[in-house]
Amino acid sequence: MVEFGMAQKAPLAKLSPEEYLALERSSEVKHEYAGGEVFAMSGGTREHSLIAANVVGELRSSLRALPCEAHASDLRIKNVTTGRYVYPDASVVCGQPLFEDEHRDTLLNPTAVFEVLSDSSESYDRGGKFALYRGIPSIADYVLLSQKQVEIEHFRRQPDGTWLLRVLGPGERLLIASIGCDLTVDELYLKVFARPTSG
């Protein structure tokens, strides 16, 4: 199969969800799915990879004694209403995780999702992907992390269904009440913008 960049359609006929899952479970390349169309995921930069790894690492440490699980980008999420499948850079589920089937590779009830922004995906992460996440009732928090500077955008679902945005920078703390986490912004960006030392 030919690989394409983020949000670029693979040259396939429209697939049913069952056909997509069968393809995905046998593929070495991750694809998102919307309306019968399959979109290949592109690789990331050093900065993207480090931030995503830092997020998962900090979440794992913070959630150690809590009834929540932190997951990296391999765990797929489905919006049941729209039938769309996506891969966040990181996600957390609290309580009993619900899966689409016995394969346990498609989560239906995440509590918080995290995306590291990149040039190829930023408009999608802010637009269509955020709309998809807003349509999943269990999601209480959506976190966007810039890979160009130390900046985090934290969207928190309010009781009336609206979303409150808080922008965080160096020295601040990211409090995610839905999962019981209080994370240090600087730790989420550990080593990302450090200059390599000469030997």
Protein backbone atom coordinates (compact mmCIF):
# COMPACT_ATOMS: atom_id res chain seq x y z
CA MET A 1 0.00 0.00 0.00
CA VAL A 2 1.25 3.50 -0.80
CA GLU A 3 1.82 5.71 2.25
CA PHE A 4 0.42 9.24 2.33
CA GLY A 5 0.82 12.19 4.67
CA MET A 6 -1.60 13.12 7.43
CA ALA A 7 -5.16 13.65 6.17
CA GLN A 8 -4.30 12.41 2.68
CA LYS A 9 -6.59 9.80 1.25
CA ALA A 10 -5.24 6.39 0.32
CA PRO A 11 -6.35 5.24 -3.16
CA LEU A 12 -8.88 2.69 -2.01
CA ALA A 13 -12.53 2.07 -2.73
CA LYS A 14 -14.83 2.99 0.15
CA LEU A 15 -14.59 0.47 2.95
CA SER A 16 -17.08 -0.66 5.54
CA PRO A 17 -16.00 -0.31 9.19
CA GLU A 18 -15.45 -4.07 9.30
CA GLU A 19 -13.24 -3.95 6.20
CA TYR A 20 -11.29 -1.03 7.64
CA LEU A 21 -10.63 -2.84 10.92
CA ALA A 22 -9.53 -5.99 9.11
CA LEU A 23 -7.15 -3.92 6.98
CA GLU A 24 -5.85 -1.95 9.96
CA ARG A 25 -5.17 -5.01 12.08
CA SER A 26 -2.96 -6.47 9.35
CA SER A 27 -1.21 -3.23 8.38
CA GLU A 28 2.15 -1.91 9.54
CA VAL A 29 0.94 1.64 8.83
CA LYS A 30 -1.76 3.34 10.93
CA HIS A 31 -4.81 4.79 9.19
CA GLU A 32 -7.72 6.89 10.36
CA TYR A 33 -11.19 6.24 8.96
CA ALA A 34 -14.13 8.50 8.07
CA GLY A 35 -17.16 7.78 5.93
CA GLY A 36 -15.68 4.77 4.21
CA GLU A 37 -12.42 6.56 3.39
CA VAL A 38 -9.02 5.64 4.81
CA PHE A 39 -6.32 8.18 5.64
CA ALA A 40 -2.69 7.11 6.18
CA MET A 41 -0.85 8.60 9.14
CA SER A 42 2.50 10.25 8.55
CA GLY A 43 5.57 10.02 10.75
CA GLY A 44 6.55 12.73 13.23
CA THR A 45 9.55 14.90 14.07
CA ARG A 46 11.96 14.54 16.98
CA GLU A 47 10.06 17.25 18.85
CA HIS A 48 6.70 15.58 18.23
CA SER A 49 8.02 12.22 19.41
CA LEU A 50 9.64 13.65 22.56
CA ILE A 51 6.56 15.61 23.61
CA ALA A 52 4.28 12.61 23.07
CA ALA A 53 6.66 10.37 25.06
CA ASN A 54 6.87 12.95 27.85
CA VAL A 55 3.07 13.19 28.02
CA VAL A 56 2.63 9.43 28.34
CA GLY A 57 5.46 9.20 30.88
CA GLU A 58 4.08 11.97 33.08
CA LEU A 59 0.56 10.56 32.86
CA ARG A 60 1.75 7.08 33.82
CA SER A 61 3.51 8.43 36.90
CA SER A 62 0.59 10.62 37.95
CA LEU A 63 -2.01 7.91 37.44
CA ARG A 64 -0.12 5.12 39.20
CA ALA A 65 -2.44 5.08 42.24
CA LEU A 66 -5.63 6.11 40.41
CA PRO A 67 -8.23 4.00 38.55
CA CYS A 68 -7.13 5.42 35.19
CA GLU A 69 -4.93 4.16 32.35
CA ALA A 70 -2.61 6.18 30.10
CA HIS A 71 -2.23 5.03 26.50
CA ALA A 72 0.16 5.98 23.72
CA SER A 73 -0.76 6.52 20.07
CA ASP A 74 -1.30 2.84 19.26
CA LEU A 75 -4.77 2.71 20.84
CA ARG A 76 -7.50 3.67 18.37
CA ILE A 77 -10.57 5.69 19.42
CA LYS A 78 -14.02 5.48 17.83
CA ASN A 79 -16.81 8.04 17.82
CA VAL A 80 -19.82 5.72 17.88
CA THR A 81 -22.22 8.38 16.56
CA THR A 82 -20.23 9.21 13.42
CA GLY A 83 -18.47 5.86 12.99
CA ARG A 84 -15.09 7.59 12.67
CA TYR A 85 -11.85 6.05 13.93
CA VAL A 86 -8.83 8.14 14.96
CA TYR A 87 -5.51 7.80 16.77
CA PRO A 88 -4.67 10.45 19.39
CA ASP A 89 -1.05 11.00 20.41
CA ALA A 90 -2.07 9.99 23.95
CA SER A 91 -5.27 9.21 25.80
CA VAL A 92 -6.52 8.40 29.28
CA VAL A 93 -9.50 6.29 30.27
CA CYS A 94 -10.78 6.23 33.85
CA GLY A 95 -12.88 3.43 35.26
CA GLN A 96 -13.77 0.43 33.11
CA PRO A 97 -12.53 0.83 29.52
CA LEU A 98 -15.11 -0.02 26.88
CA PHE A 99 -13.95 -1.54 23.58
CA GLU A 100 -15.66 -2.08 20.27
CA ASP A 101 -14.97 -5.81 20.21
CA GLU A 102 -12.88 -8.61 21.66
CA HIS A 103 -9.70 -7.31 20.00
CA ARG A 104 -9.56 -4.53 22.63
CA ASP A 105 -7.80 -2.16 20.25
CA THR A 106 -10.60 0.41 19.71
CA LEU A 107 -11.54 2.45 22.78
CA LEU A 108 -15.05 3.90 23.04
CA ASN A 109 -14.90 5.88 26.30
CA PRO A 110 -11.71 7.93 26.71
CA THR A 111 -11.73 10.57 29.44
CA ALA A 112 -8.96 12.83 28.11
CA VAL A 113 -7.11 13.03 24.80
CA PHE A 114 -3.84 14.71 23.85
CA GLU A 115 -2.59 15.83 20.44
CA VAL A 116 0.84 17.23 19.57
CA LEU A 117 0.39 19.86 16.88
CA SER A 118 2.35 19.74 13.63
CA ASP A 119 2.25 21.74 10.41
CA SER A 120 0.47 18.91 8.58
CA SER A 121 -2.14 18.21 11.27
CA GLU A 122 -2.75 21.45 13.18
CA SER A 123 -5.85 22.58 11.29
CA TYR A 124 -7.29 19.05 11.50
CA ASP A 125 -6.53 18.74 15.24
CA ARG A 126 -8.22 22.09 15.89
CA GLY A 127 -11.14 21.47 13.54
CA GLY A 128 -12.44 18.09 12.42
CA LYS A 129 -10.64 16.02 15.02
CA PHE A 130 -11.72 18.28 17.88
CA ALA A 131 -15.31 18.09 16.61
CA LEU A 132 -15.05 14.31 16.65
CA TYR A 133 -13.76 14.33 20.23
CA ARG A 134 -16.47 16.76 21.34
CA GLY A 135 -19.00 14.20 20.07
CA ILE A 136 -17.72 11.54 22.49
CA PRO A 137 -19.61 12.18 25.77
CA SER A 138 -16.96 10.59 28.00
CA ILE A 139 -14.25 13.07 26.93
CA ALA A 140 -13.90 15.83 29.52
CA ASP A 141 -10.53 17.28 28.46
CA TYR A 142 -8.75 17.94 25.16
CA VAL A 143 -5.11 19.02 25.29
CA LEU A 144 -3.12 20.45 22.37
CA LEU A 145 0.66 20.78 22.68
CA SER A 146 2.72 22.96 20.33
CA GLN A 147 5.99 21.54 19.08
CA LYS A 148 7.28 24.99 18.07
CA GLN A 149 7.25 26.54 21.55
CA VAL A 150 6.36 25.68 25.14
CA GLU A 151 2.63 26.25 24.84
CA ILE A 152 -0.32 24.09 25.80
CA GLU A 153 -3.98 24.69 25.03
CA HIS A 154 -6.28 22.92 27.49
CA PHE A 155 -9.96 22.65 26.53
CA ARG A 156 -12.21 21.53 29.39
CA ARG A 157 -15.84 20.49 28.89
CA GLN A 158 -18.23 22.49 31.09
CA PRO A 159 -21.47 21.18 32.65
CA ASP A 160 -23.52 23.01 30.00
CA GLY A 161 -21.58 21.34 27.16
CA THR A 162 -19.44 24.36 26.25
CA TRP A 163 -15.64 24.18 26.33
CA LEU A 164 -13.38 26.42 28.40
CA LEU A 165 -9.88 27.15 27.04
CA ARG A 166 -6.81 27.81 29.17
CA VAL A 167 -3.44 28.51 27.53
CA LEU A 168 -0.36 27.50 29.53
CA GLY A 169 3.33 28.30 29.16
CA PRO A 170 6.69 27.71 30.87
CA GLY A 171 6.59 27.32 34.65
CA GLU A 172 2.84 26.65 34.77
CA ARG A 173 0.92 23.54 35.73
CA LEU A 174 -1.67 21.60 33.72
CA LEU A 175 -4.47 20.55 36.05
CA ILE A 176 -6.80 17.92 34.58
CA ALA A 177 -9.44 17.34 37.21
CA SER A 178 -11.31 14.63 35.28
CA ILE A 179 -8.33 12.28 35.60
CA GLY A 180 -6.89 13.65 38.85
CA CYS A 181 -3.64 14.88 37.27
CA ASP A 182 -1.57 17.97 38.04
CA LEU A 183 1.23 18.03 35.45
CA THR A 184 4.18 20.43 35.15
CA VAL A 185 4.34 22.07 31.74
CA ASP A 186 8.14 22.11 31.82
CA GLU A 187 8.23 18.33 32.36
CA LEU A 188 5.99 17.79 29.34
CA TYR A 189 8.61 19.66 27.29
CA LEU A 190 11.65 18.07 28.95
CA LYS A 191 14.67 18.10 26.56
CA VAL A 192 12.50 19.19 23.61
CA PHE A 193 14.18 22.55 23.07
CA ALA A 194 17.51 21.77 24.77
CA ARG A 195 20.54 22.44 22.62
CA PRO A 196 22.81 19.43 22.17
CA THR A 197 26.13 19.76 23.93
CA SER A 198 29.31 19.39 21.93
CA GLY A 199 31.57 16.51 22.85
